[in-house]
């Protein structure tokens, strides 16, 4: 049996949450309860990822406990009440992924499995939040159309890249150039085919030289024009947060501190984490994109070890309190705020 792709996994998880059933389930769990259990399962998986430096025996016992809780939170199949209707949710992909983790033969394989499980749970949670918000002011048909639009997004239809974009473009050009000429047998000096091959080589050389001349003449202008366009900042969306063109990381951090003073420490940690991503994006340490998750941003700095380790602690805190719904205390906010300054200091180093 072929393994399910990421897009198939997300399709199964979300389509079953949005699909309509004409029979109301008396024992169906409210969608908010299901969302909370998803968040708890995600927080458990994130905790597992932080224990990979421990003794293998202790880590194995910890994984058994974690997986027992995850399986308890998310049965293989269960009815969930969404928009007034009972939908049967299929979580069998999660059980298969947990089994793959338990059968893995190396720490590297187990770590990859844990990361994949966490990313899929996070993606389903984020899309569920988006669908729940959109369904408030939408009809059932509009909700179905919204689901179809989400699943058509490019981030759920990625294919494995084959080399760099420049390399693929050059390979396509070479194939096109070769297709212009008939296939020849091995060159035989003194034959007409030998002369024909020489002519072909000359034609190819002239074509390559002409293309090189065009690139030399127009590429600098293209780069300059592209650089000018980039100077104009546009609206950015980071982890669902819309940032206006003139909005800066300092603005976000000021909002986070205001939330902390008002006692909403969980929202303060989220706002400060987005401020961190915004500042790192401005410093070109990461590339911001609407579809990226917090784990995508963390993996983007894995080659810069000090920044990665500092940002990993902030990411774990953000996930624990925001996605895991763990209440934040004053000490959590103070620790996050200190880590924020340390991460920016690391981000300034090369």
Protein backbone atom coordinates (compact mmCIF):
# COMPACT_ATOMS: atom_id res chain seq x y z
CA UNK A 1 0.00 0.00 0.00
CA UNK A 2 1.36 3.43 -0.94
CA UNK A 3 1.90 5.86 1.97
CA UNK A 4 -0.54 8.75 2.13
CA UNK A 5 0.82 12.10 0.95
CA UNK A 6 0.58 15.21 3.13
CA UNK A 7 -2.19 16.63 0.94
CA UNK A 8 -4.15 13.38 1.22
CA UNK A 9 -3.77 13.39 5.01
CA UNK A 10 -5.01 16.97 5.29
CA UNK A 11 -7.84 16.21 2.84
CA UNK A 12 -8.99 13.27 5.00
CA UNK A 13 -8.80 15.26 8.22
CA UNK A 14 -10.56 18.37 6.92
CA UNK A 15 -13.04 16.91 4.46
CA UNK A 16 -14.48 14.75 7.24
CA UNK A 17 -14.83 17.83 9.45
CA UNK A 18 -16.66 19.77 6.72
CA UNK A 19 -18.54 16.97 4.92
CA UNK A 20 -22.27 17.00 5.60
CA UNK A 21 -24.14 14.15 7.22
CA UNK A 22 -27.93 14.03 7.36
CA UNK A 23 -28.03 12.14 10.68
CA UNK A 24 -27.30 13.91 13.97
CA UNK A 25 -25.08 11.83 16.25
CA UNK A 26 -26.33 11.75 19.82
CA UNK A 27 -22.79 11.10 21.14
CA UNK A 28 -20.96 13.51 18.81
CA UNK A 29 -18.29 15.64 20.47
CA UNK A 30 -18.52 19.43 19.92
CA UNK A 31 -16.01 20.72 17.40
CA UNK A 32 -14.41 22.93 20.09
CA UNK A 33 -13.74 19.84 22.18
CA UNK A 34 -12.19 18.09 19.19
CA UNK A 35 -10.07 21.18 18.46
CA UNK A 36 -8.84 21.27 22.07
CA UNK A 37 -7.89 17.58 21.92
CA UNK A 38 -6.02 18.22 18.65
CA UNK A 39 -4.09 21.01 20.39
CA UNK A 40 -3.31 18.76 23.36
CA UNK A 41 -2.07 15.98 21.07
CA UNK A 42 0.10 18.50 19.23
CA UNK A 43 1.60 19.75 22.51
CA UNK A 44 2.38 16.15 23.52
CA UNK A 45 4.16 15.46 20.23
CA UNK A 46 6.16 18.69 20.64
CA UNK A 47 7.20 17.52 24.10
CA UNK A 48 8.40 14.26 22.57
CA UNK A 49 10.60 16.21 20.14
CA UNK A 50 12.33 17.97 23.04
CA UNK A 51 13.36 14.64 24.63
CA UNK A 52 15.61 13.39 21.83
CA UNK A 53 18.73 14.34 23.79
CA UNK A 54 17.79 11.99 26.64
CA UNK A 55 18.82 8.40 27.26
CA UNK A 56 17.16 6.13 24.61
CA UNK A 57 15.56 3.93 27.29
CA UNK A 58 14.00 6.90 29.10
CA UNK A 59 12.91 8.41 25.79
CA UNK A 60 11.27 5.13 24.81
CA UNK A 61 9.25 5.00 28.04
CA UNK A 62 8.31 8.65 27.59
CA UNK A 63 7.14 7.96 24.01
CA UNK A 64 4.92 5.09 25.21
CA UNK A 65 3.23 7.43 27.70
CA UNK A 66 2.86 10.20 25.12
CA UNK A 67 1.36 7.92 22.47
CA UNK A 68 -1.10 6.43 24.96
CA UNK A 69 -2.38 9.96 25.70
CA UNK A 70 -2.51 10.88 22.01
CA UNK A 71 -4.50 7.75 21.18
CA UNK A 72 -6.82 8.50 24.10
CA UNK A 73 -7.34 12.08 22.86
CA UNK A 74 -7.96 11.10 19.24
CA UNK A 75 -9.70 7.75 18.62
CA UNK A 76 -9.31 6.19 15.17
CA UNK A 77 -12.86 7.23 14.30
CA UNK A 78 -15.32 9.42 16.19
CA UNK A 79 -18.41 11.57 15.54
CA UNK A 80 -17.83 15.33 15.78
CA UNK A 81 -20.57 17.97 15.82
CA UNK A 82 -19.74 20.73 13.30
CA UNK A 83 -22.12 23.48 12.13
CA UNK A 84 -25.07 21.57 13.63
CA UNK A 85 -24.24 18.30 11.91
CA UNK A 86 -22.52 15.08 13.02
CA UNK A 87 -19.46 14.13 10.98
CA UNK A 88 -17.42 10.96 11.43
CA UNK A 89 -13.75 11.93 11.73
CA UNK A 90 -11.14 9.43 10.52
CA UNK A 91 -7.85 9.63 12.46
CA UNK A 92 -6.38 6.37 11.16
CA UNK A 93 -3.51 8.25 9.47
CA UNK A 94 -2.35 9.30 12.95
CA UNK A 95 -2.34 5.74 14.24
CA UNK A 96 -0.36 4.61 11.19
CA UNK A 97 2.16 7.41 11.78
CA UNK A 98 2.54 6.45 15.46
CA UNK A 99 3.12 2.83 14.43
CA UNK A 100 5.77 3.97 11.95
CA UNK A 101 7.51 5.86 14.76
CA UNK A 102 7.52 2.78 16.98
CA UNK A 103 8.93 0.62 14.17
CA UNK A 104 11.66 3.12 13.22
CA UNK A 105 15.19 1.72 13.59
CA UNK A 106 17.14 4.96 14.15
CA UNK A 107 16.83 8.22 16.09
CA UNK A 108 16.90 10.13 12.82
CA UNK A 109 13.87 8.21 11.50
CA UNK A 110 12.00 8.64 14.79
CA UNK A 111 12.75 12.36 14.85
CA UNK A 112 11.51 12.75 11.26
CA UNK A 113 8.32 10.84 12.10
CA UNK A 114 7.68 13.04 15.17
CA UNK A 115 8.18 16.22 13.14
CA UNK A 116 5.83 14.97 10.40
CA UNK A 117 3.11 14.06 12.91
CA UNK A 118 3.38 17.46 14.59
CA UNK A 119 3.23 19.35 11.31
CA UNK A 120 0.13 17.45 10.17
CA UNK A 121 -1.67 18.00 13.47
CA UNK A 122 -0.77 21.69 13.32
CA UNK A 123 -1.96 22.02 9.71
CA UNK A 124 -5.30 20.38 10.53
CA UNK A 125 -5.74 22.61 13.61
CA UNK A 126 -5.00 25.80 11.68
CA UNK A 127 -7.32 24.89 8.82
CA UNK A 128 -10.04 23.90 11.30
CA UNK A 129 -9.78 27.32 12.95
CA UNK A 130 -10.00 28.99 9.56
CA UNK A 131 -12.99 26.92 8.49
CA UNK A 132 -14.78 27.51 11.79
CA UNK A 133 -14.29 31.26 11.45
CA UNK A 134 -15.46 31.32 7.84
CA UNK A 135 -18.53 29.17 8.58
CA UNK A 136 -19.87 31.78 11.02
CA UNK A 137 -21.03 34.04 8.19
CA UNK A 138 -21.24 31.45 5.42
CA UNK A 139 -23.85 29.04 4.17
CA UNK A 140 -23.19 25.30 3.97
CA UNK A 141 -22.46 25.53 0.24
CA UNK A 142 -20.04 28.40 0.86
CA UNK A 143 -18.28 26.37 3.56
CA UNK A 144 -17.83 23.50 1.11
CA UNK A 145 -16.48 25.89 -1.50
CA UNK A 146 -14.13 27.35 1.13
CA UNK A 147 -12.79 23.88 1.88
CA UNK A 148 -12.18 23.24 -1.83
CA UNK A 149 -10.34 26.57 -2.13
CA UNK A 150 -8.09 25.73 0.85
CA UNK A 151 -7.18 22.32 -0.54
CA UNK A 152 -6.26 23.89 -3.88
CA UNK A 153 -3.60 26.05 -2.26
CA UNK A 154 -0.12 25.48 -3.59
CA UNK A 155 1.33 24.57 -0.19
CA UNK A 156 -0.79 21.37 -0.14
CA UNK A 157 0.16 20.37 -3.69
CA UNK A 158 3.91 20.60 -3.52
CA UNK A 159 5.97 18.13 -5.55
CA UNK A 160 9.55 17.21 -4.85
CA UNK A 161 11.92 19.70 -6.44
CA UNK A 162 14.32 18.25 -8.98
CA UNK A 163 17.39 20.45 -8.74
CA UNK A 164 17.42 24.23 -8.65
CA UNK A 165 15.14 26.38 -10.78
CA UNK A 166 18.11 27.61 -12.81
CA UNK A 167 19.31 24.06 -13.33
CA UNK A 168 15.89 22.89 -14.53
CA UNK A 169 15.64 25.87 -16.88
CA UNK A 170 19.07 25.13 -18.36
CA UNK A 171 18.24 21.41 -18.76
CA UNK A 172 15.00 22.30 -20.56
CA UNK A 173 16.88 24.66 -22.90
CA UNK A 174 19.49 22.00 -23.73
CA UNK A 175 16.77 19.45 -24.49
CA UNK A 176 15.00 21.94 -26.74
CA UNK A 177 18.23 22.80 -28.53
CA UNK A 178 19.10 19.14 -29.11
CA UNK A 179 15.59 18.46 -30.44
CA UNK A 180 16.24 20.91 -33.29
CA UNK A 181 18.77 18.55 -34.85
CA UNK A 182 18.40 14.96 -36.08
CA UNK A 183 20.14 12.20 -34.19
CA UNK A 184 23.46 11.22 -35.75
CA UNK A 185 25.58 8.13 -35.61
CA UNK A 186 29.11 8.30 -34.18
CA UNK A 187 31.24 10.73 -36.13
CA UNK A 188 33.29 9.25 -38.92
CA UNK A 189 36.02 11.51 -40.30
CA UNK A 190 35.76 11.86 -44.04
CA UNK A 191 32.01 11.21 -44.21
CA UNK A 192 29.19 13.66 -44.92
CA UNK A 193 27.84 13.05 -41.41
CA UNK A 194 31.06 14.37 -39.94
CA UNK A 195 30.61 17.65 -41.81
CA UNK A 196 26.98 17.83 -40.72
CA UNK A 197 27.97 17.35 -37.08
CA UNK A 198 30.53 20.15 -37.33
CA UNK A 199 27.85 22.48 -38.68
CA UNK A 200 25.52 21.53 -35.84
CA UNK A 201 28.21 22.28 -33.26
CA UNK A 202 28.79 25.70 -34.82
CA UNK A 203 25.06 26.47 -34.78
CA UNK A 204 24.77 25.45 -31.13
CA UNK A 205 27.80 27.57 -30.20
CA UNK A 206 26.34 30.61 -31.97
CA UNK A 207 22.97 30.10 -30.25
CA UNK A 208 24.61 29.81 -26.82
CA UNK A 209 26.70 32.92 -27.49
CA UNK A 210 23.61 34.87 -28.55
CA UNK A 211 21.74 33.84 -25.42
CA UNK A 212 24.75 34.74 -23.29
CA UNK A 213 24.84 38.18 -24.91
CA UNK A 214 21.16 38.74 -24.16
CA UNK A 215 21.61 37.66 -20.56
CA UNK A 216 24.64 39.93 -20.14
CA UNK A 217 22.74 42.87 -21.61
CA UNK A 218 19.34 42.56 -19.92
CA UNK A 219 19.88 40.58 -16.70
CA UNK A 220 21.45 43.52 -14.74
CA UNK A 221 18.52 45.75 -15.72
CA UNK A 222 16.06 43.09 -14.65
CA UNK A 223 17.77 42.69 -11.27
CA UNK A 224 17.80 46.46 -10.72
CA UNK A 225 14.11 46.77 -11.57
CA UNK A 226 13.25 43.85 -9.33
CA UNK A 227 15.21 45.40 -6.50
CA UNK A 228 13.25 48.63 -6.88
CA UNK A 229 9.96 46.78 -6.69
CA UNK A 230 11.01 45.03 -3.50
CA UNK A 231 11.56 48.33 -1.76
CA UNK A 232 7.80 48.86 -1.63
CA UNK A 233 6.54 46.77 1.26
CA UNK A 234 3.19 45.06 0.91
CA UNK A 235 0.72 43.58 3.35
CA UNK A 236 2.17 40.53 5.08
CA UNK A 237 0.41 37.63 6.82
CA UNK A 238 2.39 35.77 9.49
CA UNK A 239 0.74 32.78 11.21
CA UNK A 240 -2.65 34.23 10.32
CA UNK A 241 -1.76 37.73 11.61
CA UNK A 242 -2.25 40.50 9.01
CA UNK A 243 0.50 43.13 9.08
CA UNK A 244 -0.05 46.42 7.30
CA UNK A 245 2.79 47.77 5.07
CA UNK A 246 3.87 50.33 7.68
CA UNK A 247 3.58 47.97 10.64
CA UNK A 248 6.88 46.96 12.25
CA UNK A 249 8.10 44.40 14.75
CA UNK A 250 8.39 47.18 17.34
CA UNK A 251 4.69 47.91 16.91
CA UNK A 252 3.86 44.23 17.46
CA UNK A 253 6.12 44.00 20.50
CA UNK A 254 4.47 47.09 22.01
CA UNK A 255 1.08 45.43 21.51
CA UNK A 256 2.41 42.26 23.16
CA UNK A 257 3.61 44.18 26.20
CA UNK A 258 0.23 45.94 26.45
CA UNK A 259 -1.50 42.54 26.40
CA UNK A 260 0.85 41.30 29.12
CA UNK A 261 0.08 44.31 31.33
CA UNK A 262 -3.64 43.65 30.89
CA UNK A 263 -3.15 40.06 32.06
CA UNK A 264 -3.65 38.28 28.70
CA UNK A 265 -0.24 36.56 28.77
CA UNK A 266 -1.18 33.83 26.28
CA UNK A 267 -2.05 36.41 23.59
CA UNK A 268 1.05 38.42 24.56
CA UNK A 269 3.31 35.44 23.87
CA UNK A 270 1.67 34.90 20.46
CA UNK A 271 2.00 38.57 19.50
CA UNK A 272 5.66 38.68 20.62
CA UNK A 273 6.42 35.51 18.65
CA UNK A 274 4.98 37.08 15.50
CA UNK A 275 7.05 40.21 16.23
CA UNK A 276 10.15 38.00 16.36
CA UNK A 277 9.34 36.44 12.97
CA UNK A 278 8.66 39.90 11.51
CA UNK A 279 12.02 41.23 12.72
CA UNK A 280 13.93 38.16 11.48
CA UNK A 281 12.18 38.56 8.13
CA UNK A 282 13.25 42.22 7.92
CA UNK A 283 16.82 41.12 8.67
CA UNK A 284 16.64 38.52 5.88
CA UNK A 285 17.30 35.72 8.37
CA UNK A 286 14.06 34.02 7.27
CA UNK A 287 11.66 34.38 4.36
CA UNK A 288 8.10 35.24 5.36
CA UNK A 289 5.13 33.59 3.61
CA UNK A 290 1.44 33.25 4.40
CA UNK A 291 1.42 29.45 4.17
CA UNK A 292 4.43 28.84 6.43
CA UNK A 293 4.06 27.46 9.94
CA UNK A 294 6.18 28.25 12.98
CA UNK A 295 8.09 25.01 12.43
CA UNK A 296 8.90 26.09 8.85
CA UNK A 297 10.44 29.27 10.21
CA UNK A 298 12.38 27.35 12.86
CA UNK A 299 13.82 24.90 10.34
CA UNK A 300 14.86 27.83 8.13
CA UNK A 301 17.51 28.85 10.70
CA UNK A 302 18.78 25.36 11.59
CA UNK A 303 22.16 26.15 9.95
CA UNK A 304 22.66 29.06 12.39
CA UNK A 305 22.96 27.00 15.56
CA UNK A 306 22.87 29.72 18.26
CA UNK A 307 19.81 31.37 16.69
CA UNK A 308 18.16 27.98 16.14
CA UNK A 309 18.55 26.92 19.78
CA UNK A 310 17.26 30.25 21.10
CA UNK A 311 14.34 30.32 18.65
CA UNK A 312 13.49 26.67 19.40
CA UNK A 313 12.79 27.50 23.05
CA UNK A 314 10.55 30.41 22.02
CA UNK A 315 8.74 28.20 19.47
CA UNK A 316 8.10 25.49 22.07
CA UNK A 317 6.74 28.09 24.51
CA UNK A 318 4.51 29.61 21.82
CA UNK A 319 3.12 26.19 20.82
CA UNK A 320 2.58 25.10 24.41
CA UNK A 321 0.59 28.18 25.43
CA UNK A 322 -1.14 29.09 22.15
CA UNK A 323 -1.87 25.75 20.49
CA UNK A 324 -1.73 23.69 23.67
CA UNK A 325 -3.99 26.07 25.63
CA UNK A 326 -1.69 25.82 28.66
CA UNK A 327 -2.28 28.90 30.87
CA UNK A 328 0.68 31.27 30.87
CA UNK A 329 2.09 32.73 34.08
CA UNK A 330 4.13 35.87 34.68
CA UNK A 331 7.32 33.80 34.76
CA UNK A 332 6.46 32.36 31.33
CA UNK A 333 6.10 35.85 29.85
CA UNK A 334 9.28 37.12 31.51
CA UNK A 335 11.21 34.10 30.20
CA UNK A 336 9.77 34.58 26.72
CA UNK A 337 10.60 38.28 26.71
CA UNK A 338 14.21 37.56 27.72
CA UNK A 339 14.48 34.86 25.07
CA UNK A 340 13.12 37.31 22.49
CA UNK A 341 16.03 39.72 23.07
CA UNK A 342 18.53 36.85 23.01
CA UNK A 343 17.15 35.53 19.72
CA UNK A 344 17.43 38.95 18.09
CA UNK A 345 21.01 39.22 19.34
CA UNK A 346 21.76 35.83 17.79
CA UNK A 347 19.99 36.89 14.60
CA UNK A 348 22.37 39.83 14.23
CA UNK A 349 25.40 37.49 14.28
CA UNK A 350 26.68 35.71 11.21
